[in-house]
Amino acid sequence: MKHAGPETLTLIAPLLSDIRALPGLTERKPGIFYRRGEAWLHFHEDPAGLFADVKLPPAKGFTRLAVDTPEQRSALLACLAGQWRA
């Protein structure tokens, strides 16, 4: 599975815009976000679809979430926003 390329990132531009608005994130490369100095969120594309890999507690590594549909993208945003309420 490869990291999402520029064309794919253009397709999810509204999602990326919402993620960029979250506090405490640094986007070192397009679509690759860091939090507190460590890799925290990035996107992958493959024939099965588009996925976000995000570090969510209590998991130590990345959790993979599908982000093909508007509903899946909304669920990702809700999950990310919940990280600041904890």
PDB file of N, CA and C in Angstrom:
ATOM      1  N   MET A   1       0.846  -1.168   0.000  1.00  0.00           N
ATOM      2  CA  MET A   1       0.000   0.000   0.000  1.00  0.00           C
ATOM      3  C   MET A   1       0.896   1.238   0.000  1.00  0.00           C
ATOM      4  N   LYS A   2       0.667   2.139  -0.926  1.00  0.00           N
ATOM      5  CA  LYS A   2       1.519   3.326  -1.015  1.00  0.00           C
ATOM      6  C   LYS A   2       0.841   4.535  -0.385  1.00  0.00           C
ATOM      7  N   HIS A   3       1.664   5.485   0.004  1.00  0.00           N
ATOM      8  CA  HIS A   3       1.119   6.727   0.533  1.00  0.00           C
ATOM      9  C   HIS A   3       0.306   7.409  -0.553  1.00  0.00           C
ATOM     10  N   ALA A   4      -0.720   8.112  -0.158  1.00  0.00           N
ATOM     11  CA  ALA A   4      -1.585   8.799  -1.105  1.00  0.00           C
ATOM     12  C   ALA A   4      -0.791   9.851  -1.877  1.00  0.00           C
ATOM     13  N   GLY A   5      -0.971   9.853  -3.184  1.00  0.00           N
ATOM     14  CA  GLY A   5      -0.284  10.804  -4.047  1.00  0.00           C
ATOM     15  C   GLY A   5      -1.066  12.102  -4.194  1.00  0.00           C
ATOM     16  N   PRO A   6      -0.493  13.051  -4.928  1.00  0.00           N
ATOM     17  CA  PRO A   6      -1.116  14.364  -5.085  1.00  0.00           C
ATOM     18  C   PRO A   6      -2.540  14.318  -5.651  1.00  0.00           C
ATOM     19  N   GLU A   7      -2.788  13.455  -6.620  1.00  0.00           N
ATOM     20  CA  GLU A   7      -4.135  13.372  -7.191  1.00  0.00           C
ATOM     21  C   GLU A   7      -5.153  12.913  -6.157  1.00  0.00           C
ATOM     22  N   THR A   8      -4.780  11.926  -5.369  1.00  0.00           N
ATOM     23  CA  THR A   8      -5.677  11.416  -4.334  1.00  0.00           C
ATOM     24  C   THR A   8      -5.900  12.468  -3.258  1.00  0.00           C
ATOM     25  N   LEU A   9      -4.840  13.164  -2.873  1.00  0.00           N
ATOM     26  CA  LEU A   9      -4.977  14.203  -1.853  1.00  0.00           C
ATOM     27  C   LEU A   9      -5.883  15.333  -2.343  1.00  0.00           C
ATOM     28  N   THR A  10      -5.873  15.602  -3.635  1.00  0.00           N
ATOM     29  CA  THR A  10      -6.776  16.612  -4.195  1.00  0.00           C
ATOM     30  C   THR A  10      -8.231  16.172  -4.025  1.00  0.00           C
ATOM     31  N   LEU A  11      -8.479  14.876  -4.177  1.00  0.00           N
ATOM     32  CA  LEU A  11      -9.843  14.358  -4.020  1.00  0.00           C
ATOM     33  C   LEU A  11     -10.365  14.522  -2.596  1.00  0.00           C
ATOM     34  N   ILE A  12      -9.475  14.494  -1.621  1.00  0.00           N
ATOM     35  CA  ILE A  12      -9.906  14.610  -0.219  1.00  0.00           C
ATOM     36  C   ILE A  12      -9.536  15.979   0.362  1.00  0.00           C
ATOM     37  N   ALA A  13      -9.401  16.980  -0.507  1.00  0.00           N
ATOM     38  CA  ALA A  13      -9.006  18.320  -0.060  1.00  0.00           C
ATOM     39  C   ALA A  13      -9.902  18.877   1.053  1.00  0.00           C
ATOM     40  N   PRO A  14     -11.225  18.720   0.987  1.00  0.00           N
ATOM     41  CA  PRO A  14     -12.046  19.237   2.091  1.00  0.00           C
ATOM     42  C   PRO A  14     -11.730  18.553   3.435  1.00  0.00           C
ATOM     43  N   LEU A  15     -11.482  17.254   3.392  1.00  0.00           N
ATOM     44  CA  LEU A  15     -11.102  16.527   4.610  1.00  0.00           C
ATOM     45  C   LEU A  15      -9.780  17.050   5.150  1.00  0.00           C
ATOM     46  N   LEU A  16      -8.804  17.231   4.270  1.00  0.00           N
ATOM     47  CA  LEU A  16      -7.503  17.740   4.699  1.00  0.00           C
ATOM     48  C   LEU A  16      -7.632  19.133   5.293  1.00  0.00           C
ATOM     49  N   SER A  17      -8.486  19.953   4.727  1.00  0.00           N
ATOM     50  CA  SER A  17      -8.707  21.298   5.250  1.00  0.00           C
ATOM     51  C   SER A  17      -9.247  21.242   6.675  1.00  0.00           C
ATOM     52  N   ASP A  18     -10.187  20.337   6.919  1.00  0.00           N
ATOM     53  CA  ASP A  18     -10.734  20.173   8.278  1.00  0.00           C
ATOM     54  C   ASP A  18      -9.670  19.672   9.244  1.00  0.00           C
ATOM     55  N   ILE A  19      -8.825  18.770   8.795  1.00  0.00           N
ATOM     56  CA  ILE A  19      -7.760  18.241   9.652  1.00  0.00           C
ATOM     57  C   ILE A  19      -6.750  19.340   9.967  1.00  0.00           C
ATOM     58  N   ARG A  20      -6.418  20.151   8.978  1.00  0.00           N
ATOM     59  CA  ARG A  20      -5.464  21.254   9.196  1.00  0.00           C
ATOM     60  C   ARG A  20      -5.952  22.245  10.235  1.00  0.00           C
ATOM     61  N   ALA A  21      -7.261  22.329  10.417  1.00  0.00           N
ATOM     62  CA  ALA A  21      -7.838  23.260  11.398  1.00  0.00           C
ATOM     63  C   ALA A  21      -7.727  22.749  12.835  1.00  0.00           C
ATOM     64  N   LEU A  22      -7.392  21.474  13.006  1.00  0.00           N
ATOM     65  CA  LEU A  22      -7.250  20.926  14.362  1.00  0.00           C
ATOM     66  C   LEU A  22      -5.988  21.484  15.013  1.00  0.00           C
ATOM     67  N   PRO A  23      -6.059  21.807  16.294  1.00  0.00           N
ATOM     68  CA  PRO A  23      -4.888  22.390  16.976  1.00  0.00           C
ATOM     69  C   PRO A  23      -3.786  21.365  17.218  1.00  0.00           C
ATOM     70  N   GLY A  24      -2.559  21.844  17.193  1.00  0.00           N
ATOM     71  CA  GLY A  24      -1.424  21.017  17.585  1.00  0.00           C
ATOM     72  C   GLY A  24      -0.865  20.088  16.535  1.00  0.00           C
ATOM     73  N   LEU A  25      -1.313  20.205  15.288  1.00  0.00           N
ATOM     74  CA  LEU A  25      -0.803  19.342  14.225  1.00  0.00           C
ATOM     75  C   LEU A  25       0.151  20.106  13.325  1.00  0.00           C
ATOM     76  N   THR A  26       1.155  19.401  12.838  1.00  0.00           N
ATOM     77  CA  THR A  26       2.086  19.943  11.857  1.00  0.00           C
ATOM     78  C   THR A  26       2.032  19.044  10.641  1.00  0.00           C
ATOM     79  N   GLU A  27       1.833  19.630   9.473  1.00  0.00           N
ATOM     80  CA  GLU A  27       1.794  18.876   8.229  1.00  0.00           C
ATOM     81  C   GLU A  27       3.152  19.038   7.554  1.00  0.00           C
ATOM     82  N   ARG A  28       4.024  18.063   7.756  1.00  0.00           N
ATOM     83  CA  ARG A  28       5.391  18.162   7.236  1.00  0.00           C
ATOM     84  C   ARG A  28       5.465  17.939   5.739  1.00  0.00           C
ATOM     85  N   LYS A  29       4.604  17.092   5.226  1.00  0.00           N
ATOM     86  CA  LYS A  29       4.437  16.863   3.794  1.00  0.00           C
ATOM     87  C   LYS A  29       2.936  16.819   3.562  1.00  0.00           C
ATOM     88  N   PRO A  30       2.469  17.093   2.347  1.00  0.00           N
ATOM     89  CA  PRO A  30       1.026  17.057   2.113  1.00  0.00           C
ATOM     90  C   PRO A  30       0.399  15.735   2.549  1.00  0.00           C
ATOM     91  N   GLY A  31      -0.587  15.836   3.439  1.00  0.00           N
ATOM     92  CA  GLY A  31      -1.315  14.660   3.894  1.00  0.00           C
ATOM     93  C   GLY A  31      -0.628  13.838   4.960  1.00  0.00           C
ATOM     94  N   ILE A  32       0.515  14.310   5.469  1.00  0.00           N
ATOM     95  CA  ILE A  32       1.239  13.596   6.525  1.00  0.00           C
ATOM     96  C   ILE A  32       1.357  14.527   7.723  1.00  0.00           C
ATOM     97  N   PHE A  33       0.664  14.168   8.803  1.00  0.00           N
ATOM     98  CA  PHE A  33       0.546  15.036   9.965  1.00  0.00           C
ATOM     99  C   PHE A  33       1.310  14.475  11.162  1.00  0.00           C
ATOM    100  N   TYR A  34       1.911  15.387  11.899  1.00  0.00           N
ATOM    101  CA  TYR A  34       2.645  15.053  13.119  1.00  0.00           C
ATOM    102  C   TYR A  34       1.957  15.737  14.295  1.00  0.00           C
ATOM    103  N   ARG A  35       2.006  15.079  15.435  1.00  0.00           N
ATOM    104  CA  ARG A  35       1.469  15.628  16.682  1.00  0.00           C
ATOM    105  C   ARG A  35       2.507  15.380  17.771  1.00  0.00           C
ATOM    106  N   ARG A  36       2.849  16.433  18.470  1.00  0.00           N
ATOM    107  CA  ARG A  36       3.867  16.347  19.534  1.00  0.00           C
ATOM    108  C   ARG A  36       5.167  15.733  19.020  1.00  0.00           C
ATOM    109  N   GLY A  37       5.523  16.093  17.781  1.00  0.00           N
ATOM    110  CA  GLY A  37       6.800  15.680  17.226  1.00  0.00           C
ATOM    111  C   GLY A  37       6.871  14.275  16.652  1.00  0.00           C
ATOM    112  N   GLU A  38       5.769  13.544  16.664  1.00  0.00           N
ATOM    113  CA  GLU A  38       5.821  12.197  16.095  1.00  0.00           C
ATOM    114  C   GLU A  38       4.727  12.019  15.046  1.00  0.00           C
ATOM    115  N   ALA A  39       5.004  11.140  14.084  1.00  0.00           N
ATOM    116  CA  ALA A  39       4.034  10.855  13.031  1.00  0.00           C
ATOM    117  C   ALA A  39       2.721  10.432  13.673  1.00  0.00           C
ATOM    118  N   TRP A  40       1.619  11.018  13.205  1.00  0.00           N
ATOM    119  CA  TRP A  40       0.336  10.777  13.846  1.00  0.00           C
ATOM    120  C   TRP A  40      -0.764  10.372  12.868  1.00  0.00           C
ATOM    121  N   LEU A  41      -0.730  10.902  11.640  1.00  0.00           N
ATOM    122  CA  LEU A  41      -1.784  10.620  10.674  1.00  0.00           C
ATOM    123  C   LEU A  41      -1.236  10.749   9.262  1.00  0.00           C
ATOM    124  N   HIS A  42      -1.563   9.776   8.418  1.00  0.00           N
ATOM    125  CA  HIS A  42      -1.218   9.851   7.004  1.00  0.00           C
ATOM    126  C   HIS A  42      -2.220   8.992   6.229  1.00  0.00           C
ATOM    127  N   PHE A  43      -2.166   9.087   4.922  1.00  0.00           N
ATOM    128  CA  PHE A  43      -3.136   8.415   4.068  1.00  0.00           C
ATOM    129  C   PHE A  43      -2.441   7.456   3.108  1.00  0.00           C
ATOM    130  N   HIS A  44      -3.147   6.360   2.814  1.00  0.00           N
ATOM    131  CA  HIS A  44      -2.671   5.347   1.876  1.00  0.00           C
ATOM    132  C   HIS A  44      -3.736   5.119   0.818  1.00  0.00           C
ATOM    133  N   GLU A  45      -3.288   4.760  -0.374  1.00  0.00           N
ATOM    134  CA  GLU A  45      -4.206   4.363  -1.432  1.00  0.00           C
ATOM    135  C   GLU A  45      -3.787   2.995  -1.956  1.00  0.00           C
ATOM    136  N   ASP A  46      -4.783   2.200  -2.265  1.00  0.00           N
ATOM    137  CA  ASP A  46      -4.529   0.912  -2.906  1.00  0.00           C
ATOM    138  C   ASP A  46      -5.792   0.500  -3.642  1.00  0.00           C
ATOM    139  N   PRO A  47      -5.774  -0.609  -4.349  1.00  0.00           N
ATOM    140  CA  PRO A  47      -6.972  -1.009  -5.099  1.00  0.00           C
ATOM    141  C   PRO A  47      -8.217  -1.181  -4.219  1.00  0.00           C
ATOM    142  N   ALA A  48      -8.039  -1.451  -2.934  1.00  0.00           N
ATOM    143  CA  ALA A  48      -9.185  -1.619  -2.037  1.00  0.00           C
ATOM    144  C   ALA A  48      -9.787  -0.286  -1.616  1.00  0.00           C
ATOM    145  N   GLY A  49      -9.085   0.822  -1.856  1.00  0.00           N
ATOM    146  CA  GLY A  49      -9.633   2.122  -1.495  1.00  0.00           C
ATOM    147  C   GLY A  49      -8.615   3.029  -0.838  1.00  0.00           C
ATOM    148  N   LEU A  50      -9.136   4.049  -0.201  1.00  0.00           N
ATOM    149  CA  LEU A  50      -8.327   5.056   0.475  1.00  0.00           C
ATOM    150  C   LEU A  50      -8.455   4.856   1.980  1.00  0.00           C
ATOM    151  N   PHE A  51      -7.309   4.930   2.680  1.00  0.00           N
ATOM    152  CA  PHE A  51      -7.284   4.676   4.109  1.00  0.00           C
ATOM    153  C   PHE A  51      -6.480   5.752   4.837  1.00  0.00           C
ATOM    154  N   ALA A  52      -6.903   6.028   6.063  1.00  0.00           N
ATOM    155  CA  ALA A  52      -6.139   6.888   6.957  1.00  0.00           C
ATOM    156  C   ALA A  52      -5.507   5.995   8.012  1.00  0.00           C
ATOM    157  N   ASP A  53      -4.235   6.191   8.267  1.00  0.00           N
ATOM    158  CA  ASP A  53      -3.558   5.538   9.379  1.00  0.00           C
ATOM    159  C   ASP A  53      -3.358   6.592  10.445  1.00  0.00           C
ATOM    160  N   VAL A  54      -3.896   6.359  11.634  1.00  0.00           N
ATOM    161  CA  VAL A  54      -3.836   7.346  12.714  1.00  0.00           C
ATOM    162  C   VAL A  54      -3.484   6.640  14.017  1.00  0.00           C
ATOM    163  N   LYS A  55      -2.705   7.306  14.854  1.00  0.00           N
ATOM    164  CA  LYS A  55      -2.364   6.753  16.161  1.00  0.00           C
ATOM    165  C   LYS A  55      -3.451   7.151  17.148  1.00  0.00           C
ATOM    166  N   LEU A  56      -4.192   6.153  17.602  1.00  0.00           N
ATOM    167  CA  LEU A  56      -5.274   6.362  18.551  1.00  0.00           C
ATOM    168  C   LEU A  56      -5.006   5.568  19.815  1.00  0.00           C
ATOM    169  N   PRO A  57      -5.096   6.213  20.958  1.00  0.00           N
ATOM    170  CA  PRO A  57      -4.911   5.447  22.190  1.00  0.00           C
ATOM    171  C   PRO A  57      -6.059   4.452  22.360  1.00  0.00           C
ATOM    172  N   PRO A  58      -5.835   3.331  22.964  1.00  0.00           N
ATOM    173  CA  PRO A  58      -4.627   2.904  23.653  1.00  0.00           C
ATOM    174  C   PRO A  58      -3.637   2.177  22.752  1.00  0.00           C
ATOM    175  N   ALA A  59      -3.943   2.063  21.449  1.00  0.00           N
ATOM    176  CA  ALA A  59      -3.040   1.358  20.532  1.00  0.00           C
ATOM    177  C   ALA A  59      -1.677   2.042  20.482  1.00  0.00           C
ATOM    178  N   LYS A  60      -0.634   1.272  20.393  1.00  0.00           N
ATOM    179  CA  LYS A  60       0.723   1.822  20.325  1.00  0.00           C
ATOM    180  C   LYS A  60       1.094   2.213  18.896  1.00  0.00           C
ATOM    181  N   GLY A  61       0.532   1.526  17.925  1.00  0.00           N
ATOM    182  CA  GLY A  61       0.836   1.806  16.519  1.00  0.00           C
ATOM    183  C   GLY A  61      -0.324   2.514  15.849  1.00  0.00           C
ATOM    184  N   PHE A  62      -0.349   2.405  14.537  1.00  0.00           N
ATOM    185  CA  PHE A  62      -1.389   3.058  13.756  1.00  0.00           C
ATOM    186  C   PHE A  62      -2.636   2.189  13.661  1.00  0.00           C
ATOM    187  N   THR A  63      -3.781   2.857  13.638  1.00  0.00           N
ATOM    188  CA  THR A  63      -5.068   2.229  13.381  1.00  0.00           C
ATOM    189  C   THR A  63      -5.484   2.638  11.976  1.00  0.00           C
ATOM    190  N   ARG A  64      -5.878   1.695  11.156  1.00  0.00           N
ATOM    191  CA  ARG A  64      -6.255   1.985   9.770  1.00  0.00           C
ATOM    192  C   ARG A  64      -7.772   2.150   9.669  1.00  0.00           C
ATOM    193  N   LEU A  65      -8.187   3.277   9.085  1.00  0.00           N
ATOM    194  CA  LEU A  65      -9.603   3.578   8.904  1.00  0.00           C
ATOM    195  C   LEU A  65      -9.875   3.897   7.438  1.00  0.00           C
ATOM    196  N   ALA A  66     -10.929   3.330   6.886  1.00  0.00           N
ATOM    197  CA  ALA A  66     -11.318   3.628   5.509  1.00  0.00           C
ATOM    198  C   ALA A  66     -11.871   5.049   5.438  1.00  0.00           C
ATOM    199  N   VAL A  67     -11.534   5.760   4.352  1.00  0.00           N
ATOM    200  CA  VAL A  67     -12.031   7.125   4.161  1.00  0.00           C
ATOM    201  C   VAL A  67     -12.502   7.334   2.716  1.00  0.00           C
ATOM    202  N   ASP A  68     -13.182   6.343   2.175  1.00  0.00           N
ATOM    203  CA  ASP A  68     -13.682   6.420   0.801  1.00  0.00           C
ATOM    204  C   ASP A  68     -14.972   7.236   0.687  1.00  0.00           C
ATOM    205  N   THR A  69     -15.836   7.134   1.669  1.00  0.00           N
ATOM    206  CA  THR A  69     -17.153   7.768   1.579  1.00  0.00           C
ATOM    207  C   THR A  69     -17.229   9.003   2.480  1.00  0.00           C
ATOM    208  N   PRO A  70     -18.184   9.890   2.206  1.00  0.00           N
ATOM    209  CA  PRO A  70     -18.372  11.044   3.094  1.00  0.00           C
ATOM    210  C   PRO A  70     -18.643  10.628   4.543  1.00  0.00           C
ATOM    211  N   GLU A  71     -19.370   9.534   4.723  1.00  0.00           N
ATOM    212  CA  GLU A  71     -19.654   9.059   6.082  1.00  0.00           C
ATOM    213  C   GLU A  71     -18.378   8.608   6.791  1.00  0.00           C
ATOM    214  N   GLN A  72     -17.510   7.906   6.064  1.00  0.00           N
ATOM    215  CA  GLN A  72     -16.248   7.452   6.653  1.00  0.00           C
ATOM    216  C   GLN A  72     -15.348   8.643   6.987  1.00  0.00           C
ATOM    217  N   ARG A  73     -15.364   9.655   6.146  1.00  0.00           N
ATOM    218  CA  ARG A  73     -14.548  10.854   6.406  1.00  0.00           C
ATOM    219  C   ARG A  73     -15.070  11.607   7.611  1.00  0.00           C
ATOM    220  N   SER A  74     -16.393  11.686   7.757  1.00  0.00           N
ATOM    221  CA  SER A  74     -16.981  12.329   8.938  1.00  0.00           C
ATOM    222  C   SER A  74     -16.633  11.555  10.204  1.00  0.00           C
ATOM    223  N   ALA A  75     -16.650  10.231  10.105  1.00  0.00           N
ATOM    224  CA  ALA A  75     -16.296   9.403  11.266  1.00  0.00           C
ATOM    225  C   ALA A  75     -14.836   9.630  11.655  1.00  0.00           C
ATOM    226  N   LEU A  76     -13.951   9.755  10.669  1.00  0.00           N
ATOM    227  CA  LEU A  76     -12.545  10.038  10.963  1.00  0.00           C
ATOM    228  C   LEU A  76     -12.413  11.378  11.674  1.00  0.00           C
ATOM    229  N   LEU A  77     -13.084  12.410  11.174  1.00  0.00           N
ATOM    230  CA  LEU A  77     -13.006  13.733  11.807  1.00  0.00           C
ATOM    231  C   LEU A  77     -13.523  13.696  13.238  1.00  0.00           C
ATOM    232  N   ALA A  78     -14.610  12.979  13.468  1.00  0.00           N
ATOM    233  CA  ALA A  78     -15.151  12.858  14.822  1.00  0.00           C
ATOM    234  C   ALA A  78     -14.160  12.159  15.739  1.00  0.00           C
ATOM    235  N   CYS A  79     -13.522  11.145  15.215  1.00  0.00           N
ATOM    236  CA  CYS A  79     -12.517  10.399  15.982  1.00  0.00           C
ATOM    237  C   CYS A  79     -11.325  11.312  16.318  1.00  0.00           C
ATOM    238  N   LEU A  80     -10.867  12.068  15.334  1.00  0.00           N
ATOM    239  CA  LEU A  80      -9.739  12.971  15.560  1.00  0.00           C
ATOM    240  C   LEU A  80     -10.103  14.060  16.559  1.00  0.00           C
ATOM    241  N   ALA A  81     -11.276  14.629  16.420  1.00  0.00           N
ATOM    242  CA  ALA A  81     -11.703  15.692  17.336  1.00  0.00           C
ATOM    243  C   ALA A  81     -11.796  15.159  18.768  1.00  0.00           C
ATOM    244  N   GLY A  82     -12.158  13.905  18.913  1.00  0.00           N
ATOM    245  CA  GLY A  82     -12.238  13.295  20.239  1.00  0.00           C
ATOM    246  C   GLY A  82     -10.883  13.208  20.937  1.00  0.00           C
ATOM    247  N   GLN A  83      -9.804  13.274  20.197  1.00  0.00           N
ATOM    248  CA  GLN A  83      -8.466  13.196  20.790  1.00  0.00           C
ATOM    249  C   GLN A  83      -8.157  14.437  21.637  1.00  0.00           C
ATOM    250  N   TRP A  84      -8.837  15.527  21.377  1.00  0.00           N
ATOM    251  CA  TRP A  84      -8.573  16.747  22.141  1.00  0.00           C
ATOM    252  C   TRP A  84      -9.501  16.866  23.343  1.00  0.00           C
ATOM    253  N   ARG A  85     -10.544  16.059  23.390  1.00  0.00           N
ATOM    254  CA  ARG A  85     -11.441  16.071  24.539  1.00  0.00           C
ATOM    255  C   ARG A  85     -10.945  15.170  25.658  1.00  0.00           C
ATOM    256  N   ALA A  86     -10.078  14.243  25.325  1.00  0.00           N
ATOM    257  CA  ALA A  86      -9.619  13.255  26.316  1.00  0.00           C
ATOM    258  C   ALA A  86      -8.638  13.887  27.296  1.00  0.00           C
TER     259      ALA A  86
END
